[in-house]
Amino acid sequence: MLWWRLRHRHTHRTTLSRTRRVLLLLTAVIGLSACSNHSAPSGDGVIVSVADGDTVEVRMNGRSEKIRLIGVDTPETVHPTKPIGCYGPEASAFTKQLLPPGTKVHVVRDAEARDYYNRLLAYVYRSSDNYFVNLELVRLGYGVPLNIEPNSAHHPEFVDAAFAARQALLLLTAVIGLSACSNHSAPSGDGVIVSVADGDTVEVRMNGRSEKIRLIGVDTPETVHPTKPIGCYGPEASAFTKQLLPPGTKVHVVRDAEARDYYNRLLAYVYRSSDNYFVNLELVRLGYGVPLNIEPNSAHHPEFVDAAFAARQAQRGLWGACHG
């Protein structure tokens, strides 16, 4: 009888252990499903508040969602560690004027539903007149295009809108690079290419050490990301940069206001020393990448916008191959 009880207790514990493992597995599967990159459903909601130019809170499906507007980046106003950006207060005021509390909106998501901070990533349209808030912020010069794959359904429109804003010298695009919004460059230096990781990341030997450099102002499709698939035209962009900068190539490295990114990579503009070839800009001009403006490193952003517009018009590179 004692043997049976001991055996029964062991069997019961084993069953509980297996049940816990199954529940953990189910939790993991459900979690992965919730975080998948397939396009999530769209919905209607009501504005609760506006945090800054590109972030709003919406009441939808019975709950409040903090939404980061896809495709646009407005200057900082509420970041805990970064200073208020030039034209940030104006961008924030404009979004608040567009979307006062109680405004009905239509929310459309793209491929990836949430960002690192669990904010919903979405395009927001004002229901009363179908006003496309994300795009208008760029078109009127309150923000610049921010393309983060795979959420790029409207990126060509954002590039066109930024070009139009720059041509019309509207608000933010009018003052980028002038004294009001200028970012003094950090010290420059000369170096030698060690290797090329992908289209927009290189390793350079300078000042007696190797530095991994992320090229400022340009974003080429992924080829080496540990969790993301190879992007359309990524291999071509990587091959182009490798062709431009084989190991041993002498380069001139120019930094902007912010020296390093989250991964401690040096953020810089890279020029080939032999002919002063501006690598960052040429990647955009030839259609191997798209503009990526992350404040405060925006000294050359207007040039990147012009180059992207020209590449799109000519259907060069990824504009012809990937955006058809």
C-alpha atoms as a PDB file:
ATOM      1  CA  MET A   1       0.000   0.000   0.000  1.00  0.00           C
ATOM      2  CA  LEU A   2       2.856   2.405   0.875  1.00  0.00           C
ATOM      3  CA  TRP A   3       4.571   1.498  -2.403  1.00  0.00           C
ATOM      4  CA  TRP A   4       1.353   2.261  -4.324  1.00  0.00           C
ATOM      5  CA  ARG A   5       0.985   5.661  -2.612  1.00  0.00           C
ATOM      6  CA  LEU A   6       4.586   6.597  -3.344  1.00  0.00           C
ATOM      7  CA  ARG A   7       4.186   5.507  -6.969  1.00  0.00           C
ATOM      8  CA  HIS A   8       0.862   7.380  -7.251  1.00  0.00           C
ATOM      9  CA  ARG A   9       2.469  10.543  -5.781  1.00  0.00           C
ATOM     10  CA  HIS A  10       5.386  10.287  -8.237  1.00  0.00           C
ATOM     11  CA  THR A  11       2.981   9.764 -11.173  1.00  0.00           C
ATOM     12  CA  HIS A  12       0.867  12.721 -10.023  1.00  0.00           C
ATOM     13  CA  ARG A  13       3.952  14.972  -9.792  1.00  0.00           C
ATOM     14  CA  THR A  14       5.145  13.822 -13.221  1.00  0.00           C
ATOM     15  CA  THR A  15       1.706  14.580 -14.685  1.00  0.00           C
ATOM     16  CA  LEU A  16       1.765  18.065 -13.105  1.00  0.00           C
ATOM     17  CA  SER A  17       5.288  18.636 -14.436  1.00  0.00           C
ATOM     18  CA  ARG A  18       4.194  17.620 -17.942  1.00  0.00           C
ATOM     19  CA  THR A  19       1.105  19.829 -17.664  1.00  0.00           C
ATOM     20  CA  ARG A  20       3.268  22.810 -16.707  1.00  0.00           C
ATOM     21  CA  ARG A  21       5.585  22.139 -19.667  1.00  0.00           C
ATOM     22  CA  VAL A  22       2.596  21.960 -22.039  1.00  0.00           C
ATOM     23  CA  LEU A  23       1.197  25.204 -20.611  1.00  0.00           C
ATOM     24  CA  LEU A  24       4.577  26.917 -21.001  1.00  0.00           C
ATOM     25  CA  LEU A  25       4.802  25.688 -24.584  1.00  0.00           C
ATOM     26  CA  LEU A  26       1.286  26.936 -25.319  1.00  0.00           C
ATOM     27  CA  THR A  27       2.158  30.304 -23.783  1.00  0.00           C
ATOM     28  CA  ALA A  28       5.240  30.546 -25.985  1.00  0.00           C
ATOM     29  CA  VAL A  29       3.246  29.655 -29.111  1.00  0.00           C
ATOM     30  CA  ILE A  30       0.486  32.134 -28.257  1.00  0.00           C
ATOM     31  CA  GLY A  31       3.126  34.783 -27.558  1.00  0.00           C
ATOM     32  CA  LEU A  32       4.812  34.159 -30.894  1.00  0.00           C
ATOM     33  CA  SER A  33       1.467  34.375 -32.668  1.00  0.00           C
ATOM     34  CA  ALA A  34       0.777  37.702 -31.007  1.00  0.00           C
ATOM     35  CA  CYS A  35       4.170  39.024 -32.091  1.00  0.00           C
ATOM     36  CA  SER A  36       4.115  37.723 -35.644  1.00  0.00           C
ATOM     37  CA  ASN A  37       4.758  40.101 -38.521  1.00  0.00           C
ATOM     38  CA  HIS A  38       1.632  39.284 -40.509  1.00  0.00           C
ATOM     39  CA  SER A  39      -0.585  42.302 -41.109  1.00  0.00           C
ATOM     40  CA  ALA A  40      -2.913  42.761 -38.132  1.00  0.00           C
ATOM     41  CA  PRO A  41      -6.552  43.842 -38.556  1.00  0.00           C
ATOM     42  CA  SER A  42      -7.400  47.523 -38.938  1.00  0.00           C
ATOM     43  CA  GLY A  43      -9.938  49.306 -36.766  1.00  0.00           C
ATOM     44  CA  ASP A  44     -11.715  52.490 -35.768  1.00  0.00           C
ATOM     45  CA  GLY A  45     -11.063  54.421 -32.593  1.00  0.00           C
ATOM     46  CA  VAL A  46     -11.208  57.722 -30.750  1.00  0.00           C
ATOM     47  CA  ILE A  47      -8.242  59.933 -29.842  1.00  0.00           C
ATOM     48  CA  VAL A  48      -7.521  60.016 -26.107  1.00  0.00           C
ATOM     49  CA  SER A  49      -4.412  62.230 -26.209  1.00  0.00           C
ATOM     50  CA  VAL A  50      -1.379  63.273 -28.258  1.00  0.00           C
ATOM     51  CA  ALA A  51       2.056  62.595 -26.690  1.00  0.00           C
ATOM     52  CA  ASP A  52       4.098  64.367 -29.377  1.00  0.00           C
ATOM     53  CA  GLY A  53       4.146  64.886 -33.115  1.00  0.00           C
ATOM     54  CA  ASP A  54       4.310  61.204 -34.071  1.00  0.00           C
ATOM     55  CA  THR A  55       2.776  59.425 -31.057  1.00  0.00           C
ATOM     56  CA  VAL A  56      -0.900  59.366 -30.061  1.00  0.00           C
ATOM     57  CA  GLU A  57      -3.154  57.438 -27.719  1.00  0.00           C
ATOM     58  CA  VAL A  58      -6.328  55.936 -29.172  1.00  0.00           C
ATOM     59  CA  ARG A  59      -9.266  54.145 -27.564  1.00  0.00           C
ATOM     60  CA  MET A  60     -10.170  51.196 -29.778  1.00  0.00           C
ATOM     61  CA  ASN A  61     -11.639  47.733 -29.294  1.00  0.00           C
ATOM     62  CA  GLY A  62     -12.423  48.587 -25.681  1.00  0.00           C
ATOM     63  CA  ARG A  63      -8.877  49.496 -24.674  1.00  0.00           C
ATOM     64  CA  SER A  64      -6.375  52.355 -24.950  1.00  0.00           C
ATOM     65  CA  GLU A  65      -3.475  51.882 -27.369  1.00  0.00           C
ATOM     66  CA  LYS A  66      -0.366  54.050 -27.635  1.00  0.00           C
ATOM     67  CA  ILE A  67       0.256  54.379 -31.390  1.00  0.00           C
ATOM     68  CA  ARG A  68       3.558  55.301 -33.056  1.00  0.00           C
ATOM     69  CA  LEU A  69       2.794  56.720 -36.499  1.00  0.00           C
ATOM     70  CA  ILE A  70       4.541  54.695 -39.214  1.00  0.00           C
ATOM     71  CA  GLY A  71       6.770  56.341 -41.803  1.00  0.00           C
ATOM     72  CA  VAL A  72       7.353  59.712 -40.140  1.00  0.00           C
ATOM     73  CA  ASP A  73       9.751  60.996 -37.500  1.00  0.00           C
ATOM     74  CA  THR A  74       9.068  64.325 -35.801  1.00  0.00           C
ATOM     75  CA  PRO A  75      11.666  66.033 -33.582  1.00  0.00           C
ATOM     76  CA  GLU A  76      11.747  65.011 -29.923  1.00  0.00           C
ATOM     77  CA  THR A  77       9.691  66.792 -27.266  1.00  0.00           C
ATOM     78  CA  VAL A  78       9.150  64.190 -24.520  1.00  0.00           C
ATOM     79  CA  HIS A  79      12.147  61.817 -24.661  1.00  0.00           C
ATOM     80  CA  PRO A  80      13.508  61.165 -21.126  1.00  0.00           C
ATOM     81  CA  THR A  81      17.188  61.503 -22.109  1.00  0.00           C
ATOM     82  CA  LYS A  82      17.224  63.584 -25.325  1.00  0.00           C
ATOM     83  CA  PRO A  83      16.807  67.366 -25.570  1.00  0.00           C
ATOM     84  CA  ILE A  84      13.781  68.950 -27.237  1.00  0.00           C
ATOM     85  CA  GLY A  85      14.430  68.934 -30.985  1.00  0.00           C
ATOM     86  CA  CYS A  86      14.225  71.913 -33.278  1.00  0.00           C
ATOM     87  CA  TYR A  87      10.586  72.237 -34.443  1.00  0.00           C
ATOM     88  CA  GLY A  88       9.518  69.502 -32.038  1.00  0.00           C
ATOM     89  CA  PRO A  89       7.066  71.741 -30.144  1.00  0.00           C
ATOM     90  CA  GLU A  90       5.578  72.970 -33.436  1.00  0.00           C
ATOM     91  CA  ALA A  91       5.113  69.401 -34.720  1.00  0.00           C
ATOM     92  CA  SER A  92       3.523  68.349 -31.446  1.00  0.00           C
ATOM     93  CA  ALA A  93       1.161  71.347 -31.496  1.00  0.00           C
ATOM     94  CA  PHE A  94       0.168  70.571 -35.090  1.00  0.00           C
ATOM     95  CA  THR A  95      -0.758  66.957 -34.292  1.00  0.00           C
ATOM     96  CA  LYS A  96      -2.712  68.118 -31.227  1.00  0.00           C
ATOM     97  CA  GLN A  97      -4.572  70.598 -33.396  1.00  0.00           C
ATOM     98  CA  LEU A  98      -5.347  67.887 -35.977  1.00  0.00           C
ATOM     99  CA  LEU A  99      -6.420  65.293 -33.427  1.00  0.00           C
ATOM    100  CA  PRO A 100      -7.991  66.813 -30.304  1.00  0.00           C
ATOM    101  CA  PRO A 101      -9.409  64.334 -27.751  1.00  0.00           C
ATOM    102  CA  GLY A 102     -12.599  62.732 -29.029  1.00  0.00           C
ATOM    103  CA  THR A 103     -11.581  62.823 -32.714  1.00  0.00           C
ATOM    104  CA  LYS A 104     -12.674  59.681 -34.529  1.00  0.00           C
ATOM    105  CA  VAL A 105      -9.878  57.979 -36.454  1.00  0.00           C
ATOM    106  CA  HIS A 106      -9.334  54.970 -38.688  1.00  0.00           C
ATOM    107  CA  VAL A 107      -6.225  52.957 -37.764  1.00  0.00           C
ATOM    108  CA  VAL A 108      -4.442  50.825 -40.377  1.00  0.00           C
ATOM    109  CA  ARG A 109      -1.544  48.581 -39.414  1.00  0.00           C
ATOM    110  CA  ASP A 110       1.265  47.337 -41.641  1.00  0.00           C
ATOM    111  CA  ALA A 111       3.283  44.091 -41.578  1.00  0.00           C
ATOM    112  CA  GLU A 112       4.818  44.489 -38.109  1.00  0.00           C
ATOM    113  CA  ALA A 113       2.261  45.311 -35.420  1.00  0.00           C
ATOM    114  CA  ARG A 114       4.358  46.618 -32.511  1.00  0.00           C
ATOM    115  CA  ASP A 115       7.699  48.221 -31.762  1.00  0.00           C
ATOM    116  CA  TYR A 116      10.256  47.545 -29.021  1.00  0.00           C
ATOM    117  CA  TYR A 117       8.198  49.616 -26.561  1.00  0.00           C
ATOM    118  CA  ASN A 118       5.016  47.640 -27.372  1.00  0.00           C
ATOM    119  CA  ARG A 119       3.464  50.650 -29.086  1.00  0.00           C
ATOM    120  CA  LEU A 120       1.086  49.858 -31.914  1.00  0.00           C
ATOM    121  CA  LEU A 121       2.607  50.814 -35.292  1.00  0.00           C
ATOM    122  CA  ALA A 122      -0.027  52.268 -37.594  1.00  0.00           C
ATOM    123  CA  TYR A 123      -1.183  54.705 -40.246  1.00  0.00           C
ATOM    124  CA  VAL A 124      -3.850  57.040 -38.821  1.00  0.00           C
ATOM    125  CA  TYR A 125      -6.618  58.655 -40.868  1.00  0.00           C
ATOM    126  CA  ARG A 126      -9.054  61.228 -39.480  1.00  0.00           C
ATOM    127  CA  SER A 127     -12.464  59.650 -40.034  1.00  0.00           C
ATOM    128  CA  SER A 128     -14.356  62.857 -40.880  1.00  0.00           C
ATOM    129  CA  ASP A 129     -12.332  63.611 -44.034  1.00  0.00           C
ATOM    130  CA  ASN A 130      -9.915  60.639 -44.427  1.00  0.00           C
ATOM    131  CA  TYR A 131      -6.979  62.985 -43.718  1.00  0.00           C
ATOM    132  CA  PHE A 132      -3.803  60.857 -43.741  1.00  0.00           C
ATOM    133  CA  VAL A 133      -2.040  62.201 -40.654  1.00  0.00           C
ATOM    134  CA  ASN A 134       1.317  60.391 -41.104  1.00  0.00           C
ATOM    135  CA  LEU A 135       1.768  61.614 -44.674  1.00  0.00           C
ATOM    136  CA  GLU A 136       0.625  65.174 -44.013  1.00  0.00           C
ATOM    137  CA  LEU A 137       3.176  65.591 -41.223  1.00  0.00           C
ATOM    138  CA  VAL A 138       5.889  64.950 -43.829  1.00  0.00           C
ATOM    139  CA  ARG A 139       4.211  66.889 -46.636  1.00  0.00           C
ATOM    140  CA  LEU A 140       3.866  69.998 -44.470  1.00  0.00           C
ATOM    141  CA  GLY A 141       7.415  69.757 -43.120  1.00  0.00           C
ATOM    142  CA  TYR A 142       6.670  68.844 -39.511  1.00  0.00           C
ATOM    143  CA  GLY A 143       8.543  65.546 -39.824  1.00  0.00           C
ATOM    144  CA  VAL A 144      10.877  63.565 -42.063  1.00  0.00           C
ATOM    145  CA  PRO A 145      10.446  60.089 -43.603  1.00  0.00           C
ATOM    146  CA  LEU A 146      11.420  57.188 -41.349  1.00  0.00           C
ATOM    147  CA  ASN A 147      11.465  53.855 -43.173  1.00  0.00           C
ATOM    148  CA  ILE A 148      11.805  50.788 -40.940  1.00  0.00           C
ATOM    149  CA  GLU A 149      11.212  47.492 -42.707  1.00  0.00           C
ATOM    150  CA  PRO A 150       8.918  45.663 -43.050  1.00  0.00           C
ATOM    151  CA  ASN A 151       6.480  48.581 -42.529  1.00  0.00           C
ATOM    152  CA  SER A 152       7.054  50.320 -45.843  1.00  0.00           C
ATOM    153  CA  ALA A 153       3.730  50.178 -47.705  1.00  0.00           C
ATOM    154  CA  HIS A 154       3.616  53.973 -48.147  1.00  0.00           C
ATOM    155  CA  HIS A 155       7.331  54.801 -48.129  1.00  0.00           C
ATOM    156  CA  PRO A 156       7.490  56.041 -51.759  1.00  0.00           C
ATOM    157  CA  GLU A 157       4.722  58.539 -50.921  1.00  0.00           C
ATOM    158  CA  PHE A 158       6.665  59.769 -47.882  1.00  0.00           C
ATOM    159  CA  VAL A 159       9.775  60.306 -50.018  1.00  0.00           C
ATOM    160  CA  ASP A 160       7.766  62.309 -52.574  1.00  0.00           C
ATOM    161  CA  ALA A 161       6.137  64.346 -49.803  1.00  0.00           C
ATOM    162  CA  ALA A 162       9.506  65.132 -48.169  1.00  0.00           C
ATOM    163  CA  PHE A 163      10.909  66.241 -51.515  1.00  0.00           C
ATOM    164  CA  ALA A 164       7.924  68.530 -52.087  1.00  0.00           C
ATOM    165  CA  ALA A 165       8.303  69.995 -48.585  1.00  0.00           C
ATOM    166  CA  ARG A 166      11.988  70.620 -49.166  1.00  0.00           C
ATOM    167  CA  GLN A 167      11.324  72.288 -52.516  1.00  0.00           C
ATOM    168  CA  ALA A 168       8.731  74.534 -50.881  1.00  0.00           C
ATOM    169  CA  LEU A 169      11.049  75.200 -47.913  1.00  0.00           C
ATOM    170  CA  LEU A 170       8.352  74.262 -45.412  1.00  0.00           C
ATOM    171  CA  LEU A 171       8.945  74.483 -41.668  1.00  0.00           C
ATOM    172  CA  LEU A 172      11.331  71.766 -40.484  1.00  0.00           C
ATOM    173  CA  THR A 173      12.876  71.111 -43.903  1.00  0.00           C
ATOM    174  CA  ALA A 174      13.496  74.828 -44.306  1.00  0.00           C
ATOM    175  CA  VAL A 175      15.618  75.092 -41.183  1.00  0.00           C
ATOM    176  CA  ILE A 176      17.470  71.757 -41.114  1.00  0.00           C
ATOM    177  CA  GLY A 177      21.136  72.635 -41.572  1.00  0.00           C
ATOM    178  CA  LEU A 178      20.633  76.318 -40.655  1.00  0.00           C
ATOM    179  CA  SER A 179      21.704  77.741 -37.299  1.00  0.00           C
ATOM    180  CA  ALA A 180      18.324  77.083 -35.678  1.00  0.00           C
ATOM    181  CA  CYS A 181      18.553  73.320 -36.158  1.00  0.00           C
ATOM    182  CA  SER A 182      22.195  72.718 -37.025  1.00  0.00           C
ATOM    183  CA  ASN A 183      24.158  69.935 -35.374  1.00  0.00           C
ATOM    184  CA  HIS A 184      27.849  70.656 -35.099  1.00  0.00           C
ATOM    185  CA  SER A 185      29.886  67.738 -36.402  1.00  0.00           C
ATOM    186  CA  ALA A 186      32.067  65.743 -34.059  1.00  0.00           C
ATOM    187  CA  PRO A 187      35.779  65.412 -34.923  1.00  0.00           C
ATOM    188  CA  SER A 188      36.602  63.722 -38.215  1.00  0.00           C
ATOM    189  CA  GLY A 189      39.363  61.241 -39.026  1.00  0.00           C
ATOM    190  CA  ASP A 190      41.037  59.135 -41.675  1.00  0.00           C
ATOM    191  CA  GLY A 191      41.085  55.367 -41.772  1.00  0.00           C
ATOM    192  CA  VAL A 192      41.343  52.194 -43.824  1.00  0.00           C
ATOM    193  CA  ILE A 193      38.529  49.770 -44.645  1.00  0.00           C
ATOM    194  CA  VAL A 194      38.843  46.411 -42.873  1.00  0.00           C
ATOM    195  CA  SER A 195      35.619  44.828 -44.118  1.00  0.00           C
ATOM    196  CA  VAL A 196      32.039  45.496 -45.243  1.00  0.00           C
ATOM    197  CA  ALA A 197      29.264  43.841 -43.195  1.00  0.00           C
ATOM    198  CA  ASP A 198      26.373  44.888 -45.434  1.00  0.00           C
ATOM    199  CA  GLY A 199      25.233  47.816 -47.544  1.00  0.00           C
ATOM    200  CA  ASP A 200      25.241  50.390 -44.757  1.00  0.00           C
ATOM    201  CA  THR A 201      27.736  48.995 -42.219  1.00  0.00           C
ATOM    202  CA  VAL A 202      31.523  48.857 -42.567  1.00  0.00           C
ATOM    203  CA  GLU A 203      34.539  48.241 -40.360  1.00  0.00           C
ATOM    204  CA  VAL A 204      37.323  50.819 -40.457  1.00  0.00           C
ATOM    205  CA  ARG A 205      40.783  50.887 -38.871  1.00  0.00           C
ATOM    206  CA  MET A 206      41.330  54.402 -37.543  1.00  0.00           C
ATOM    207  CA  ASN A 207      43.199  56.006 -34.652  1.00  0.00           C
ATOM    208  CA  GLY A 208      44.901  52.668 -33.947  1.00  0.00           C
ATOM    209  CA  ARG A 209      41.688  50.682 -33.461  1.00  0.00           C
ATOM    210  CA  SER A 210      38.923  49.006 -35.478  1.00  0.00           C
ATOM    211  CA  GLU A 211      35.552  50.758 -35.505  1.00  0.00           C
ATOM    212  CA  LYS A 212      32.282  49.327 -36.783  1.00  0.00           C
ATOM    213  CA  ILE A 213      30.623  52.233 -38.601  1.00  0.00           C
ATOM    214  CA  ARG A 214      26.914  52.583 -39.369  1.00  0.00           C
ATOM    215  CA  LEU A 215      26.540  54.956 -42.319  1.00  0.00           C
ATOM    216  CA  ILE A 216      24.363  57.937 -41.375  1.00  0.00           C
ATOM    217  CA  GLY A 217      21.329  58.918 -43.427  1.00  0.00           C
ATOM    218  CA  VAL A 218      20.850  55.743 -45.443  1.00  0.00           C
ATOM    219  CA  ASP A 219      19.142  52.426 -44.825  1.00  0.00           C
ATOM    220  CA  THR A 220      19.873  49.493 -47.129  1.00  0.00           C
ATOM    221  CA  PRO A 221      17.788  46.283 -47.037  1.00  0.00           C
ATOM    222  CA  GLU A 222      18.808  43.642 -44.507  1.00  0.00           C
ATOM    223  CA  THR A 223      21.262  40.859 -45.369  1.00  0.00           C
ATOM    224  CA  VAL A 224      22.842  39.857 -42.046  1.00  0.00           C
ATOM    225  CA  HIS A 225      20.216  40.574 -39.353  1.00  0.00           C
ATOM    226  CA  PRO A 226      19.949  37.598 -36.939  1.00  0.00           C
ATOM    227  CA  THR A 227      16.113  37.612 -36.850  1.00  0.00           C
ATOM    228  CA  LYS A 228      14.984  39.368 -40.032  1.00  0.00           C
ATOM    229  CA  PRO A 229      14.857  37.866 -43.551  1.00  0.00           C
ATOM    230  CA  ILE A 230      17.087  39.086 -46.371  1.00  0.00           C
ATOM    231  CA  GLY A 231      15.435  42.177 -47.826  1.00  0.00           C
ATOM    232  CA  CYS A 232      14.661  42.885 -51.460  1.00  0.00           C
ATOM    233  CA  TYR A 233      17.815  44.335 -53.074  1.00  0.00           C
ATOM    234  CA  GLY A 234      19.835  43.700 -49.908  1.00  0.00           C
ATOM    235  CA  PRO A 235      22.432  41.443 -51.556  1.00  0.00           C
ATOM    236  CA  GLU A 236      22.874  43.958 -54.405  1.00  0.00           C
ATOM    237  CA  ALA A 237      23.394  46.828 -51.946  1.00  0.00           C
ATOM    238  CA  SER A 238      25.899  44.807 -49.945  1.00  0.00           C
ATOM    239  CA  ALA A 239      27.795  43.826 -53.108  1.00  0.00           C
ATOM    240  CA  PHE A 240      27.881  47.463 -54.252  1.00  0.00           C
ATOM    241  CA  THR A 241      29.396  48.709 -50.982  1.00  0.00           C
ATOM    242  CA  LYS A 242      31.946  45.866 -51.059  1.00  0.00           C
ATOM    243  CA  GLN A 243      32.863  46.846 -54.612  1.00  0.00           C
ATOM    244  CA  LEU A 244      33.213  50.525 -53.604  1.00  0.00           C
ATOM    245  CA  LEU A 245      35.217  49.815 -50.465  1.00  0.00           C
ATOM    246  CA  PRO A 246      37.397  46.698 -50.722  1.00  0.00           C
ATOM    247  CA  PRO A 247      39.717  46.008 -47.763  1.00  0.00           C
ATOM    248  CA  GLY A 248      42.587  48.486 -47.698  1.00  0.00           C
ATOM    249  CA  THR A 249      40.617  51.382 -49.200  1.00  0.00           C
ATOM    250  CA  LYS A 250      41.512  54.691 -47.560  1.00  0.00           C
ATOM    251  CA  VAL A 251      38.500  56.640 -46.321  1.00  0.00           C
ATOM    252  CA  HIS A 252      37.695  59.927 -44.625  1.00  0.00           C
ATOM    253  CA  VAL A 253      35.212  59.576 -41.749  1.00  0.00           C
ATOM    254  CA  VAL A 254      33.016  62.507 -40.672  1.00  0.00           C
ATOM    255  CA  ARG A 255      30.806  62.259 -37.615  1.00  0.00           C
ATOM    256  CA  ASP A 256      27.649  64.237 -36.870  1.00  0.00           C
ATOM    257  CA  ALA A 257      26.159  65.407 -33.545  1.00  0.00           C
ATOM    258  CA  GLU A 258      25.576  61.990 -31.991  1.00  0.00           C
ATOM    259  CA  ALA A 259      28.636  59.760 -32.154  1.00  0.00           C
ATOM    260  CA  ARG A 260      27.275  56.258 -31.445  1.00  0.00           C
ATOM    261  CA  ASP A 261      24.118  54.204 -31.714  1.00  0.00           C
ATOM    262  CA  TYR A 262      22.484  51.732 -29.303  1.00  0.00           C
ATOM    263  CA  TYR A 263      24.899  48.996 -30.466  1.00  0.00           C
ATOM    264  CA  ASN A 264      27.944  51.259 -29.856  1.00  0.00           C
ATOM    265  CA  ARG A 265      28.613  51.531 -33.588  1.00  0.00           C
ATOM    266  CA  LEU A 266      30.213  54.779 -34.732  1.00  0.00           C
ATOM    267  CA  LEU A 267      27.714  56.882 -36.724  1.00  0.00           C
ATOM    268  CA  ALA A 268      29.422  58.610 -39.633  1.00  0.00           C
ATOM    269  CA  TYR A 269      29.536  59.869 -43.197  1.00  0.00           C
ATOM    270  CA  VAL A 270      32.207  58.010 -45.181  1.00  0.00           C
ATOM    271  CA  TYR A 271      34.108  59.469 -48.136  1.00  0.00           C
ATOM    272  CA  ARG A 272      36.530  57.472 -50.289  1.00  0.00           C
ATOM    273  CA  SER A 273      39.806  59.359 -49.976  1.00  0.00           C
ATOM    274  CA  SER A 274      41.019  58.840 -53.559  1.00  0.00           C
ATOM    275  CA  ASP A 275      38.126  60.758 -55.158  1.00  0.00           C
ATOM    276  CA  ASN A 276      36.063  62.140 -52.223  1.00  0.00           C
ATOM    277  CA  TYR A 277      33.191  59.828 -53.247  1.00  0.00           C
ATOM    278  CA  PHE A 278      30.380  60.328 -50.683  1.00  0.00           C
ATOM    279  CA  VAL A 279      29.394  56.705 -50.031  1.00  0.00           C
ATOM    280  CA  ASN A 280      26.272  57.357 -47.908  1.00  0.00           C
ATOM    281  CA  LEU A 281      24.744  59.699 -50.482  1.00  0.00           C
ATOM    282  CA  GLU A 282      25.595  57.585 -53.508  1.00  0.00           C
ATOM    283  CA  LEU A 283      23.874  54.537 -51.993  1.00  0.00           C
ATOM    284  CA  VAL A 284      20.655  56.567 -51.960  1.00  0.00           C
ATOM    285  CA  ARG A 285      21.225  58.269 -55.322  1.00  0.00           C
ATOM    286  CA  LEU A 286      21.763  54.953 -57.098  1.00  0.00           C
ATOM    287  CA  GLY A 287      18.796  53.257 -55.442  1.00  0.00           C
ATOM    288  CA  TYR A 288      20.661  50.854 -53.161  1.00  0.00           C
ATOM    289  CA  GLY A 289      19.102  52.385 -50.044  1.00  0.00           C
ATOM    290  CA  VAL A 290      16.484  54.825 -48.780  1.00  0.00           C
ATOM    291  CA  PRO A 291      16.892  57.898 -46.565  1.00  0.00           C
ATOM    292  CA  LEU A 292      16.928  57.227 -42.830  1.00  0.00           C
ATOM    293  CA  ASN A 293      16.828  60.389 -40.737  1.00  0.00           C
ATOM    294  CA  ILE A 294      17.417  59.927 -37.009  1.00  0.00           C
ATOM    295  CA  GLU A 295      17.874  63.148 -35.075  1.00  0.00           C
ATOM    296  CA  PRO A 296      20.144  64.792 -34.231  1.00  0.00           C
ATOM    297  CA  ASN A 297      22.285  63.412 -37.107  1.00  0.00           C
ATOM    298  CA  SER A 298      20.634  65.295 -39.942  1.00  0.00           C
ATOM    299  CA  ALA A 299      23.320  67.546 -41.449  1.00  0.00           C
ATOM    300  CA  HIS A 300      22.892  66.057 -44.944  1.00  0.00           C
ATOM    301  CA  HIS A 301      19.262  64.941 -44.784  1.00  0.00           C
ATOM    302  CA  PRO A 302      17.965  67.379 -47.444  1.00  0.00           C
ATOM    303  CA  GLU A 303      20.526  65.960 -49.893  1.00  0.00           C
ATOM    304  CA  PHE A 304      19.381  62.399 -49.124  1.00  0.00           C
ATOM    305  CA  VAL A 305      15.758  63.375 -49.768  1.00  0.00           C
ATOM    306  CA  ASP A 306      16.685  64.923 -53.136  1.00  0.00           C
ATOM    307  CA  ALA A 307      18.749  61.871 -54.085  1.00  0.00           C
ATOM    308  CA  ALA A 308      15.942  59.452 -53.155  1.00  0.00           C
ATOM    309  CA  PHE A 309      13.409  61.434 -55.160  1.00  0.00           C
ATOM    310  CA  ALA A 310      15.664  61.334 -58.239  1.00  0.00           C
ATOM    311  CA  ALA A 311      16.271  57.582 -57.807  1.00  0.00           C
ATOM    312  CA  ARG A 312      12.545  56.929 -57.441  1.00  0.00           C
ATOM    313  CA  GLN A 313      11.723  59.003 -60.520  1.00  0.00           C
ATOM    314  CA  ALA A 314      14.297  57.046 -62.551  1.00  0.00           C
ATOM    315  CA  GLN A 315      13.252  53.700 -60.978  1.00  0.00           C
ATOM    316  CA  ARG A 316      16.873  53.016 -60.083  1.00  0.00           C
ATOM    317  CA  GLY A 317      17.858  50.045 -57.958  1.00  0.00           C
ATOM    318  CA  LEU A 318      15.337  48.984 -55.328  1.00  0.00           C
ATOM    319  CA  TRP A 319      12.786  51.541 -56.555  1.00  0.00           C
ATOM    320  CA  GLY A 320      12.377  49.559 -59.762  1.00  0.00           C
ATOM    321  CA  ALA A 321      13.016  46.095 -58.355  1.00  0.00           C
ATOM    322  CA  CYS A 322      11.056  46.268 -55.101  1.00  0.00           C
ATOM    323  CA  HIS A 323       8.509  49.054 -55.343  1.00  0.00           C
ATOM    324  CA  GLY A 324       7.454  48.418 -58.923  1.00  0.00           C
END
